Amino acid sequence: MLEFDSVTKSYGGTVVLDDLSFAIQSGQMFGFCGANGAGKTTAMRIALGLVRACRGEVRWNGRTIDLEMRRRIGYMPEERGLYPKMRVLDQLTYFGMLHGMTKTAAHDSALPLIDRLGVNQRTGEALEKLSLGNQQKVQLAAALVHMPEVLILDEPFSGLDPVGVDALADVLLERCRAGVPVVFSSHQLDLVERLCDSVGIINGGRMVAQGSVNELREREGNRQLRVVVLDASPGWAAQVRGVHVLSQQGSEVLLELDDPARDQEVLAAAQRTGRVQHFSWRAPTLTELFREAVAA
């Protein structure tokens, strides 16, 4: 288990991380969400020893992360940390060797990664000759080549097309199934919602919401109803007490209820005005949950 325990970081009078605590289980994918400047990258850099916390610590399986353990972490920074004029395969072999692998082992580990990520035709080219998306794939391969025990990735899906996103996601899910905890930050909340077992939302250096997407939905409570009524009278929904019309497209309306227990009143009103074709609660998306969490 990877644990952040009461991690606090300040620069002068500015608090960047404020008593930040969360944990990622082995084999779990954790989505780290927050606005720019919320503290995500600082937290990741503390885990890697690139920044020193003012208070608190990061542990792996109960042990404070030291230099030896950091060699077994795969890290992908948001800014590319590769050599632009170095050839792709040579570069990945070199990064594997930096993590203690032999040249042969690093080379043999890099080849299937290159193939899985779709850059196997570019192994002999300098990195700078690749598209930005393919450079991103090589950056991920550099984080994976030494078969890390933990993966920490900062905006790994940035700049990838849908095919590239799927290839990267498949590789990460495969590592998760092998027991590797994966924590990644992303502003692409639809991807976080689709891929992650657990989510943490950070705002102003503090964790303001944490759990699975379904758990966050349960805490927020279902208050939105999607209703489709054929041949309905105009404005029927707005006349129901405690109901707010969020949107309307033809016969479909999206409603927000002050009290979810009043759903049967809404259903009765819908049946009086026309033929009800659809009536269901609408689960909030992670994007909506994020907005609620950071606005609280």
C-alpha atoms as a PDB file:
ATOM      1  CA  MET A   1       0.000   0.000   0.000  1.00  0.00           C
ATOM      2  CA  LEU A   2       1.215   3.502  -0.878  1.00  0.00           C
ATOM      3  CA  GLU A   3       0.350   5.982   1.899  1.00  0.00           C
ATOM      4  CA  PHE A   4       0.511   9.756   2.120  1.00  0.00           C
ATOM      5  CA  ASP A   5       0.336  10.519   5.844  1.00  0.00           C
ATOM      6  CA  SER A   6      -0.373  14.135   6.927  1.00  0.00           C
ATOM      7  CA  VAL A   7       1.912  15.523   4.221  1.00  0.00           C
ATOM      8  CA  THR A   8       2.293  19.292   4.559  1.00  0.00           C
ATOM      9  CA  LYS A   9       4.346  21.631   2.398  1.00  0.00           C
ATOM     10  CA  SER A  10       4.716  25.417   2.513  1.00  0.00           C
ATOM     11  CA  TYR A  11       6.792  27.872   0.537  1.00  0.00           C
ATOM     12  CA  GLY A  12       7.234  30.913   2.732  1.00  0.00           C
ATOM     13  CA  GLY A  13       3.745  31.889   3.828  1.00  0.00           C
ATOM     14  CA  THR A  14       2.034  29.914   1.053  1.00  0.00           C
ATOM     15  CA  VAL A  15       0.626  26.509   2.055  1.00  0.00           C
ATOM     16  CA  VAL A  16       0.769  24.177  -0.948  1.00  0.00           C
ATOM     17  CA  LEU A  17      -0.222  20.935   0.825  1.00  0.00           C
ATOM     18  CA  ASP A  18      -2.214  21.009   4.041  1.00  0.00           C
ATOM     19  CA  ASP A  19      -2.209  17.773   6.070  1.00  0.00           C
ATOM     20  CA  LEU A  20      -2.745  15.630   2.961  1.00  0.00           C
ATOM     21  CA  SER A  21      -3.555  11.977   3.696  1.00  0.00           C
ATOM     22  CA  PHE A  22      -4.707   9.186   1.393  1.00  0.00           C
ATOM     23  CA  ALA A  23      -3.762   5.616   0.496  1.00  0.00           C
ATOM     24  CA  ILE A  24      -3.612   3.508  -2.661  1.00  0.00           C
ATOM     25  CA  GLN A  25      -3.925  -0.242  -2.303  1.00  0.00           C
ATOM     26  CA  SER A  26      -1.800  -2.683  -4.303  1.00  0.00           C
ATOM     27  CA  GLY A  27      -3.477  -3.353  -7.634  1.00  0.00           C
ATOM     28  CA  GLN A  28      -5.581  -0.194  -7.394  1.00  0.00           C
ATOM     29  CA  MET A  29      -5.741   2.679  -9.864  1.00  0.00           C
ATOM     30  CA  PHE A  30      -6.148   6.016  -8.116  1.00  0.00           C
ATOM     31  CA  GLY A  31      -7.181   9.189  -9.960  1.00  0.00           C
ATOM     32  CA  PHE A  32      -5.728  12.350  -8.440  1.00  0.00           C
ATOM     33  CA  CYS A  33      -7.918  15.276  -9.487  1.00  0.00           C
ATOM     34  CA  GLY A  34      -7.644  18.988  -8.873  1.00  0.00           C
ATOM     35  CA  ALA A  35      -7.410  22.354 -10.567  1.00  0.00           C
ATOM     36  CA  ASN A  36      -4.076  23.785 -11.676  1.00  0.00           C
ATOM     37  CA  GLY A  37      -2.084  24.718  -8.587  1.00  0.00           C
ATOM     38  CA  ALA A  38      -4.115  22.480  -6.257  1.00  0.00           C
ATOM     39  CA  GLY A  39      -0.989  20.594  -5.112  1.00  0.00           C
ATOM     40  CA  LYS A  40      -1.081  17.369  -7.150  1.00  0.00           C
ATOM     41  CA  THR A  41       2.377  17.657  -8.687  1.00  0.00           C
ATOM     42  CA  THR A  42       3.947  18.752  -5.392  1.00  0.00           C
ATOM     43  CA  ALA A  43       2.521  15.664  -3.653  1.00  0.00           C
ATOM     44  CA  MET A  44       3.946  13.404  -6.372  1.00  0.00           C
ATOM     45  CA  ARG A  45       7.357  15.071  -6.209  1.00  0.00           C
ATOM     46  CA  ILE A  46       7.449  14.580  -2.442  1.00  0.00           C
ATOM     47  CA  ALA A  47       6.870  10.848  -2.947  1.00  0.00           C
ATOM     48  CA  LEU A  48       9.813  10.809  -5.359  1.00  0.00           C
ATOM     49  CA  GLY A  49      12.104  12.776  -3.043  1.00  0.00           C
ATOM     50  CA  LEU A  50      12.297  15.671  -5.482  1.00  0.00           C
ATOM     51  CA  VAL A  51      10.675  17.968  -2.897  1.00  0.00           C
ATOM     52  CA  ARG A  52      10.966  17.676   0.879  1.00  0.00           C
ATOM     53  CA  ALA A  53       7.803  17.831   2.968  1.00  0.00           C
ATOM     54  CA  CYS A  54       7.650  20.205   5.907  1.00  0.00           C
ATOM     55  CA  ARG A  55       5.732  17.573   7.857  1.00  0.00           C
ATOM     56  CA  GLY A  56       4.338  14.074   7.309  1.00  0.00           C
ATOM     57  CA  GLU A  57       5.698  11.247   5.199  1.00  0.00           C
ATOM     58  CA  VAL A  58       5.018   8.920   2.290  1.00  0.00           C
ATOM     59  CA  ARG A  59       5.237   5.158   2.958  1.00  0.00           C
ATOM     60  CA  TRP A  60       5.259   2.031   0.837  1.00  0.00           C
ATOM     61  CA  ASN A  61       4.051  -1.102   2.651  1.00  0.00           C
ATOM     62  CA  GLY A  62       4.536   0.617   5.992  1.00  0.00           C
ATOM     63  CA  ARG A  63       8.099   1.753   5.294  1.00  0.00           C
ATOM     64  CA  THR A  64       9.124   5.344   4.707  1.00  0.00           C
ATOM     65  CA  ILE A  65      10.188   5.698   1.087  1.00  0.00           C
ATOM     66  CA  ASP A  66      13.972   5.989   0.844  1.00  0.00           C
ATOM     67  CA  LEU A  67      16.421   6.201  -2.056  1.00  0.00           C
ATOM     68  CA  GLU A  68      16.456   2.439  -2.623  1.00  0.00           C
ATOM     69  CA  MET A  69      12.665   2.294  -2.779  1.00  0.00           C
ATOM     70  CA  ARG A  70      12.524   5.241  -5.169  1.00  0.00           C
ATOM     71  CA  ARG A  71      14.509   3.218  -7.691  1.00  0.00           C
ATOM     72  CA  ARG A  72      11.545   0.808  -7.779  1.00  0.00           C
ATOM     73  CA  ILE A  73       9.008   3.549  -8.546  1.00  0.00           C
ATOM     74  CA  GLY A  74       8.008   4.406 -12.099  1.00  0.00           C
ATOM     75  CA  TYR A  75       7.528   8.153 -12.476  1.00  0.00           C
ATOM     76  CA  MET A  76       6.193  10.066 -15.447  1.00  0.00           C
ATOM     77  CA  PRO A  77       6.440  13.856 -15.105  1.00  0.00           C
ATOM     78  CA  GLU A  78       4.055  16.203 -16.860  1.00  0.00           C
ATOM     79  CA  GLU A  79       7.023  17.903 -18.537  1.00  0.00           C
ATOM     80  CA  ARG A  80       8.948  15.508 -20.764  1.00  0.00           C
ATOM     81  CA  GLY A  81      12.198  14.398 -19.151  1.00  0.00           C
ATOM     82  CA  LEU A  82      13.738  12.582 -22.112  1.00  0.00           C
ATOM     83  CA  TYR A  83      16.671  13.360 -24.403  1.00  0.00           C
ATOM     84  CA  PRO A  84      15.354  14.755 -27.713  1.00  0.00           C
ATOM     85  CA  LYS A  85      18.337  13.725 -29.863  1.00  0.00           C
ATOM     86  CA  MET A  86      18.700  10.211 -28.421  1.00  0.00           C
ATOM     87  CA  ARG A  87      17.155   7.268 -30.285  1.00  0.00           C
ATOM     88  CA  VAL A  88      14.023   5.761 -28.766  1.00  0.00           C
ATOM     89  CA  LEU A  89      15.259   2.238 -28.003  1.00  0.00           C
ATOM     90  CA  ASP A  90      18.661   3.432 -26.808  1.00  0.00           C
ATOM     91  CA  GLN A  91      16.936   5.886 -24.516  1.00  0.00           C
ATOM     92  CA  LEU A  92      14.648   3.308 -22.927  1.00  0.00           C
ATOM     93  CA  THR A  93      17.555   0.911 -22.452  1.00  0.00           C
ATOM     94  CA  TYR A  94      19.524   3.680 -20.764  1.00  0.00           C
ATOM     95  CA  PHE A  95      16.669   4.513 -18.380  1.00  0.00           C
ATOM     96  CA  GLY A  96      16.323   0.851 -17.476  1.00  0.00           C
ATOM     97  CA  MET A  97      20.022   0.712 -16.652  1.00  0.00           C
ATOM     98  CA  LEU A  98      19.672   3.798 -14.422  1.00  0.00           C
ATOM     99  CA  HIS A  99      17.222   1.747 -12.359  1.00  0.00           C
ATOM    100  CA  GLY A 100      19.750  -1.065 -11.921  1.00  0.00           C
ATOM    101  CA  MET A 101      18.946  -3.326 -14.872  1.00  0.00           C
ATOM    102  CA  THR A 102      21.590  -4.855 -17.096  1.00  0.00           C
ATOM    103  CA  LYS A 103      21.756  -3.506 -20.625  1.00  0.00           C
ATOM    104  CA  THR A 104      20.361  -6.757 -22.035  1.00  0.00           C
ATOM    105  CA  ALA A 105      17.500  -6.888 -19.533  1.00  0.00           C
ATOM    106  CA  ALA A 106      16.590  -3.244 -20.144  1.00  0.00           C
ATOM    107  CA  HIS A 107      16.665  -3.748 -23.917  1.00  0.00           C
ATOM    108  CA  ASP A 108      14.487  -6.863 -23.698  1.00  0.00           C
ATOM    109  CA  SER A 109      11.996  -5.087 -21.407  1.00  0.00           C
ATOM    110  CA  ALA A 110      11.750  -2.060 -23.697  1.00  0.00           C
ATOM    111  CA  LEU A 111      10.883  -3.956 -26.889  1.00  0.00           C
ATOM    112  CA  PRO A 112       7.418  -5.280 -25.879  1.00  0.00           C
ATOM    113  CA  LEU A 113       6.525  -1.912 -24.345  1.00  0.00           C
ATOM    114  CA  ILE A 114       7.357  -0.135 -27.577  1.00  0.00           C
ATOM    115  CA  ASP A 115       5.228  -2.640 -29.453  1.00  0.00           C
ATOM    116  CA  ARG A 116       2.251  -2.364 -27.061  1.00  0.00           C
ATOM    117  CA  LEU A 117       2.285   1.426 -27.227  1.00  0.00           C
ATOM    118  CA  GLY A 118       2.467   1.526 -31.017  1.00  0.00           C
ATOM    119  CA  VAL A 119       5.897   3.083 -31.578  1.00  0.00           C
ATOM    120  CA  ASN A 120       7.711  -0.082 -32.672  1.00  0.00           C
ATOM    121  CA  GLN A 121       8.370   1.407 -36.127  1.00  0.00           C
ATOM    122  CA  ARG A 122      10.268   4.365 -34.649  1.00  0.00           C
ATOM    123  CA  THR A 123      12.800   2.635 -32.370  1.00  0.00           C
ATOM    124  CA  GLY A 124      15.833   3.837 -34.295  1.00  0.00           C
ATOM    125  CA  GLU A 125      14.701   7.470 -34.612  1.00  0.00           C
ATOM    126  CA  ALA A 126      15.620  10.391 -32.425  1.00  0.00           C
ATOM    127  CA  LEU A 127      12.847  11.316 -30.014  1.00  0.00           C
ATOM    128  CA  GLU A 128      12.527  14.836 -31.460  1.00  0.00           C
ATOM    129  CA  LYS A 129      11.437  13.391 -34.808  1.00  0.00           C
ATOM    130  CA  LEU A 130       8.349  11.796 -33.258  1.00  0.00           C
ATOM    131  CA  SER A 131       4.966  13.456 -32.882  1.00  0.00           C
ATOM    132  CA  LEU A 132       4.094  14.839 -29.455  1.00  0.00           C
ATOM    133  CA  GLY A 133       1.703  11.941 -28.887  1.00  0.00           C
ATOM    134  CA  ASN A 134       4.376   9.357 -29.672  1.00  0.00           C
ATOM    135  CA  GLN A 135       6.842  11.193 -27.467  1.00  0.00           C
ATOM    136  CA  GLN A 136       4.280  10.850 -24.676  1.00  0.00           C
ATOM    137  CA  LYS A 137       4.147   7.101 -25.256  1.00  0.00           C
ATOM    138  CA  VAL A 138       7.942   6.856 -25.047  1.00  0.00           C
ATOM    139  CA  GLN A 139       7.814   8.850 -21.799  1.00  0.00           C
ATOM    140  CA  LEU A 140       5.415   6.266 -20.365  1.00  0.00           C
ATOM    141  CA  ALA A 141       7.608   3.407 -21.576  1.00  0.00           C
ATOM    142  CA  ALA A 142      10.529   5.019 -19.721  1.00  0.00           C
ATOM    143  CA  ALA A 143       8.451   4.900 -16.519  1.00  0.00           C
ATOM    144  CA  LEU A 144       7.585   1.224 -17.088  1.00  0.00           C
ATOM    145  CA  VAL A 145      10.777  -0.272 -18.500  1.00  0.00           C
ATOM    146  CA  HIS A 146      12.273  -1.301 -15.123  1.00  0.00           C
ATOM    147  CA  MET A 147       9.076  -3.129 -14.044  1.00  0.00           C
ATOM    148  CA  PRO A 148       8.330  -0.771 -11.131  1.00  0.00           C
ATOM    149  CA  GLU A 149       6.479  -1.762  -7.956  1.00  0.00           C
ATOM    150  CA  VAL A 150       4.628   1.573  -7.892  1.00  0.00           C
ATOM    151  CA  LEU A 151       3.569   3.907 -10.718  1.00  0.00           C
ATOM    152  CA  ILE A 152       3.165   7.675 -10.239  1.00  0.00           C
ATOM    153  CA  LEU A 153       2.098   9.495 -13.398  1.00  0.00           C
ATOM    154  CA  ASP A 154       1.471  13.209 -13.873  1.00  0.00           C
ATOM    155  CA  GLU A 155      -1.020  13.890 -16.707  1.00  0.00           C
ATOM    156  CA  PRO A 156      -0.087  10.726 -18.650  1.00  0.00           C
ATOM    157  CA  PHE A 157      -2.916  11.037 -21.204  1.00  0.00           C
ATOM    158  CA  SER A 158      -2.140  14.605 -22.218  1.00  0.00           C
ATOM    159  CA  GLY A 159      -1.755  15.010 -25.985  1.00  0.00           C
ATOM    160  CA  LEU A 160      -2.851  11.468 -26.899  1.00  0.00           C
ATOM    161  CA  ASP A 161      -5.470  10.651 -29.516  1.00  0.00           C
ATOM    162  CA  PRO A 162      -8.239   8.131 -28.615  1.00  0.00           C
ATOM    163  CA  VAL A 163      -6.230   5.172 -29.948  1.00  0.00           C
ATOM    164  CA  GLY A 164      -3.213   6.243 -27.913  1.00  0.00           C
ATOM    165  CA  VAL A 165      -5.365   6.682 -24.815  1.00  0.00           C
ATOM    166  CA  ASP A 166      -6.690   3.139 -25.195  1.00  0.00           C
ATOM    167  CA  ALA A 167      -3.197   1.685 -25.672  1.00  0.00           C
ATOM    168  CA  LEU A 168      -1.856   3.480 -22.605  1.00  0.00           C
ATOM    169  CA  ALA A 169      -4.906   2.570 -20.513  1.00  0.00           C
ATOM    170  CA  ASP A 170      -4.548  -1.112 -21.440  1.00  0.00           C
ATOM    171  CA  VAL A 171      -0.919  -1.137 -20.306  1.00  0.00           C
ATOM    172  CA  LEU A 172      -1.750   0.558 -17.001  1.00  0.00           C
ATOM    173  CA  LEU A 173      -4.678  -1.788 -16.313  1.00  0.00           C
ATOM    174  CA  GLU A 174      -2.405  -4.746 -17.016  1.00  0.00           C
ATOM    175  CA  ARG A 175       0.101  -3.477 -14.434  1.00  0.00           C
ATOM    176  CA  CYS A 176      -2.729  -2.956 -11.947  1.00  0.00           C
ATOM    177  CA  ARG A 177      -3.904  -6.536 -12.396  1.00  0.00           C
ATOM    178  CA  ALA A 178      -0.350  -7.631 -11.603  1.00  0.00           C
ATOM    179  CA  GLY A 179      -0.640  -5.861  -8.231  1.00  0.00           C
ATOM    180  CA  VAL A 180       1.037  -2.533  -8.991  1.00  0.00           C
ATOM    181  CA  PRO A 181      -0.642   0.518  -7.423  1.00  0.00           C
ATOM    182  CA  VAL A 182      -1.063   3.295  -9.988  1.00  0.00           C
ATOM    183  CA  VAL A 183      -1.697   6.925  -9.089  1.00  0.00           C
ATOM    184  CA  PHE A 184      -2.153   9.414 -11.894  1.00  0.00           C
ATOM    185  CA  SER A 185      -3.303  12.996 -12.141  1.00  0.00           C
ATOM    186  CA  SER A 186      -5.505  14.148 -14.981  1.00  0.00           C
ATOM    187  CA  HIS A 187      -7.855  16.928 -16.007  1.00  0.00           C
ATOM    188  CA  GLN A 188      -9.629  14.427 -18.290  1.00  0.00           C
ATOM    189  CA  LEU A 189     -12.199  13.451 -15.695  1.00  0.00           C
ATOM    190  CA  ASP A 190     -14.105  11.170 -18.058  1.00  0.00           C
ATOM    191  CA  LEU A 191     -10.983   8.998 -18.256  1.00  0.00           C
ATOM    192  CA  VAL A 192     -10.541   9.044 -14.488  1.00  0.00           C
ATOM    193  CA  GLU A 193     -14.161   7.994 -14.075  1.00  0.00           C
ATOM    194  CA  ARG A 194     -13.752   5.157 -16.580  1.00  0.00           C
ATOM    195  CA  LEU A 195     -10.423   3.771 -15.375  1.00  0.00           C
ATOM    196  CA  CYS A 196     -10.002   4.395 -11.669  1.00  0.00           C
ATOM    197  CA  ASP A 197     -10.996   2.245  -8.701  1.00  0.00           C
ATOM    198  CA  SER A 198     -10.709   5.242  -6.392  1.00  0.00           C
ATOM    199  CA  VAL A 199     -10.571   9.010  -6.795  1.00  0.00           C
ATOM    200  CA  GLY A 200      -9.163  11.824  -4.697  1.00  0.00           C
ATOM    201  CA  ILE A 201     -10.163  15.445  -5.277  1.00  0.00           C
ATOM    202  CA  ILE A 202      -7.700  18.003  -3.956  1.00  0.00           C
ATOM    203  CA  ASN A 203      -8.438  21.696  -3.583  1.00  0.00           C
ATOM    204  CA  GLY A 204      -6.115  24.287  -2.072  1.00  0.00           C
ATOM    205  CA  GLY A 205      -3.745  21.565  -0.890  1.00  0.00           C
ATOM    206  CA  ARG A 206      -6.440  19.650   1.028  1.00  0.00           C
ATOM    207  CA  MET A 207      -8.233  16.426   0.115  1.00  0.00           C
ATOM    208  CA  VAL A 208     -11.880  17.488  -0.133  1.00  0.00           C
ATOM    209  CA  ALA A 209     -13.382  14.221  -1.437  1.00  0.00           C
ATOM    210  CA  GLN A 210     -12.125  10.658  -1.678  1.00  0.00           C
ATOM    211  CA  GLY A 211     -13.523   7.242  -2.561  1.00  0.00           C
ATOM    212  CA  SER A 212     -14.869   5.389  -5.559  1.00  0.00           C
ATOM    213  CA  VAL A 213     -17.013   7.362  -7.980  1.00  0.00           C
ATOM    214  CA  ASN A 214     -20.071   5.464  -6.761  1.00  0.00           C
ATOM    215  CA  GLU A 215     -19.232   6.310  -3.142  1.00  0.00           C
ATOM    216  CA  LEU A 216     -18.902   9.985  -4.030  1.00  0.00           C
ATOM    217  CA  ARG A 217     -22.261   9.808  -5.801  1.00  0.00           C
ATOM    218  CA  GLU A 218     -23.898   8.282  -2.738  1.00  0.00           C
ATOM    219  CA  ARG A 219     -22.543  11.029  -0.501  1.00  0.00           C
ATOM    220  CA  GLU A 220     -23.816  13.681  -2.862  1.00  0.00           C
ATOM    221  CA  GLY A 221     -27.170  11.940  -3.224  1.00  0.00           C
ATOM    222  CA  ASN A 222     -29.209  11.516  -6.394  1.00  0.00           C
ATOM    223  CA  ARG A 223     -31.214  14.671  -6.998  1.00  0.00           C
ATOM    224  CA  GLN A 224     -31.507  14.740 -10.782  1.00  0.00           C
ATOM    225  CA  LEU A 225     -34.291  13.030 -12.719  1.00  0.00           C
ATOM    226  CA  ARG A 226     -34.396  12.410 -16.457  1.00  0.00           C
ATOM    227  CA  VAL A 227     -38.001  12.345 -17.634  1.00  0.00           C
ATOM    228  CA  VAL A 228     -39.369  11.850 -21.150  1.00  0.00           C
ATOM    229  CA  VAL A 229     -43.079  12.602 -21.526  1.00  0.00           C
ATOM    230  CA  LEU A 230     -44.786  12.440 -24.922  1.00  0.00           C
ATOM    231  CA  ASP A 231     -47.454  15.044 -25.733  1.00  0.00           C
ATOM    232  CA  ALA A 232     -46.791  16.859 -22.439  1.00  0.00           C
ATOM    233  CA  SER A 233     -48.203  20.282 -21.619  1.00  0.00           C
ATOM    234  CA  PRO A 234     -45.536  23.009 -21.838  1.00  0.00           C
ATOM    235  CA  GLY A 235     -43.932  23.855 -18.503  1.00  0.00           C
ATOM    236  CA  TRP A 236     -45.505  20.956 -16.623  1.00  0.00           C
ATOM    237  CA  ALA A 237     -42.402  20.169 -14.564  1.00  0.00           C
ATOM    238  CA  ALA A 238     -41.869  23.731 -13.320  1.00  0.00           C
ATOM    239  CA  GLN A 239     -45.279  23.611 -11.662  1.00  0.00           C
ATOM    240  CA  VAL A 240     -44.259  20.764  -9.313  1.00  0.00           C
ATOM    241  CA  ARG A 241     -43.237  21.968  -5.863  1.00  0.00           C
ATOM    242  CA  GLY A 242     -39.510  21.603  -5.063  1.00  0.00           C
ATOM    243  CA  VAL A 243     -38.525  20.884  -8.667  1.00  0.00           C
ATOM    244  CA  HIS A 244     -36.048  22.899 -10.777  1.00  0.00           C
ATOM    245  CA  VAL A 245     -35.814  22.421 -14.539  1.00  0.00           C
ATOM    246  CA  LEU A 246     -32.139  22.158 -15.473  1.00  0.00           C
ATOM    247  CA  SER A 247     -32.601  21.575 -19.188  1.00  0.00           C
ATOM    248  CA  GLN A 248     -35.241  20.635 -21.739  1.00  0.00           C
ATOM    249  CA  GLN A 249     -34.881  19.167 -25.211  1.00  0.00           C
ATOM    250  CA  GLY A 250     -38.177  18.373 -26.890  1.00  0.00           C
ATOM    251  CA  SER A 251     -40.097  15.931 -24.725  1.00  0.00           C
ATOM    252  CA  GLU A 252     -37.084  15.244 -22.444  1.00  0.00           C
ATOM    253  CA  VAL A 253     -36.459  17.274 -19.288  1.00  0.00           C
ATOM    254  CA  LEU A 254     -33.688  17.078 -16.712  1.00  0.00           C
ATOM    255  CA  LEU A 255     -34.930  18.007 -13.262  1.00  0.00           C
ATOM    256  CA  GLU A 256     -33.292  18.669  -9.913  1.00  0.00           C
ATOM    257  CA  LEU A 257     -35.300  17.881  -6.762  1.00  0.00           C
ATOM    258  CA  ASP A 258     -34.894  19.677  -3.451  1.00  0.00           C
ATOM    259  CA  ASP A 259     -35.950  16.422  -1.792  1.00  0.00           C
ATOM    260  CA  PRO A 260     -35.320  13.098  -3.628  1.00  0.00           C
ATOM    261  CA  ALA A 261     -38.244  11.567  -1.744  1.00  0.00           C
ATOM    262  CA  ARG A 262     -40.621  13.674  -3.871  1.00  0.00           C
ATOM    263  CA  ASP A 263     -39.879  11.656  -7.019  1.00  0.00           C
ATOM    264  CA  GLN A 264     -43.292   9.990  -6.942  1.00  0.00           C
ATOM    265  CA  GLU A 265     -44.975  13.407  -7.019  1.00  0.00           C
ATOM    266  CA  VAL A 266     -42.987  14.184 -10.146  1.00  0.00           C
ATOM    267  CA  LEU A 267     -43.988  10.861 -11.701  1.00  0.00           C
ATOM    268  CA  ALA A 268     -47.670  11.492 -10.944  1.00  0.00           C
ATOM    269  CA  ALA A 269     -47.456  14.965 -12.489  1.00  0.00           C
ATOM    270  CA  ALA A 270     -45.767  13.524 -15.578  1.00  0.00           C
ATOM    271  CA  GLN A 271     -48.489  10.891 -15.977  1.00  0.00           C
ATOM    272  CA  ARG A 272     -51.207  13.532 -15.718  1.00  0.00           C
ATOM    273  CA  THR A 273     -49.706  15.598 -18.524  1.00  0.00           C
ATOM    274  CA  GLY A 274     -48.855  12.908 -21.070  1.00  0.00           C
ATOM    275  CA  ARG A 275     -47.450   9.428 -21.732  1.00  0.00           C
ATOM    276  CA  VAL A 276     -44.281   8.751 -19.706  1.00  0.00           C
ATOM    277  CA  GLN A 277     -41.718   7.081 -21.926  1.00  0.00           C
ATOM    278  CA  HIS A 278     -38.725   7.338 -19.574  1.00  0.00           C
ATOM    279  CA  PHE A 279     -38.315   8.116 -15.872  1.00  0.00           C
ATOM    280  CA  SER A 280     -35.001   7.537 -14.069  1.00  0.00           C
ATOM    281  CA  TRP A 281     -32.484   9.017 -11.698  1.00  0.00           C
ATOM    282  CA  ARG A 282     -29.442  10.430 -13.428  1.00  0.00           C
ATOM    283  CA  ALA A 283     -26.125   9.671 -11.729  1.00  0.00           C
ATOM    284  CA  PRO A 284     -23.854  12.741 -11.583  1.00  0.00           C
ATOM    285  CA  THR A 285     -20.647  12.539 -13.591  1.00  0.00           C
ATOM    286  CA  LEU A 286     -17.238  12.883 -11.972  1.00  0.00           C
ATOM    287  CA  THR A 287     -17.003  16.340 -13.534  1.00  0.00           C
ATOM    288  CA  GLU A 288     -20.160  17.384 -11.690  1.00  0.00           C
ATOM    289  CA  LEU A 289     -18.946  15.786  -8.453  1.00  0.00           C
ATOM    290  CA  PHE A 290     -15.647  17.642  -8.865  1.00  0.00           C
ATOM    291  CA  ARG A 291     -17.403  20.988  -9.231  1.00  0.00           C
ATOM    292  CA  GLU A 292     -19.494  20.294  -6.120  1.00  0.00           C
ATOM    293  CA  ALA A 293     -16.449  19.263  -4.079  1.00  0.00           C
ATOM    294  CA  VAL A 294     -14.271  22.258  -4.921  1.00  0.00           C
ATOM    295  CA  ALA A 295     -17.167  24.713  -4.511  1.00  0.00           C
ATOM    296  CA  ALA A 296     -18.058  23.490  -1.007  1.00  0.00           C
END
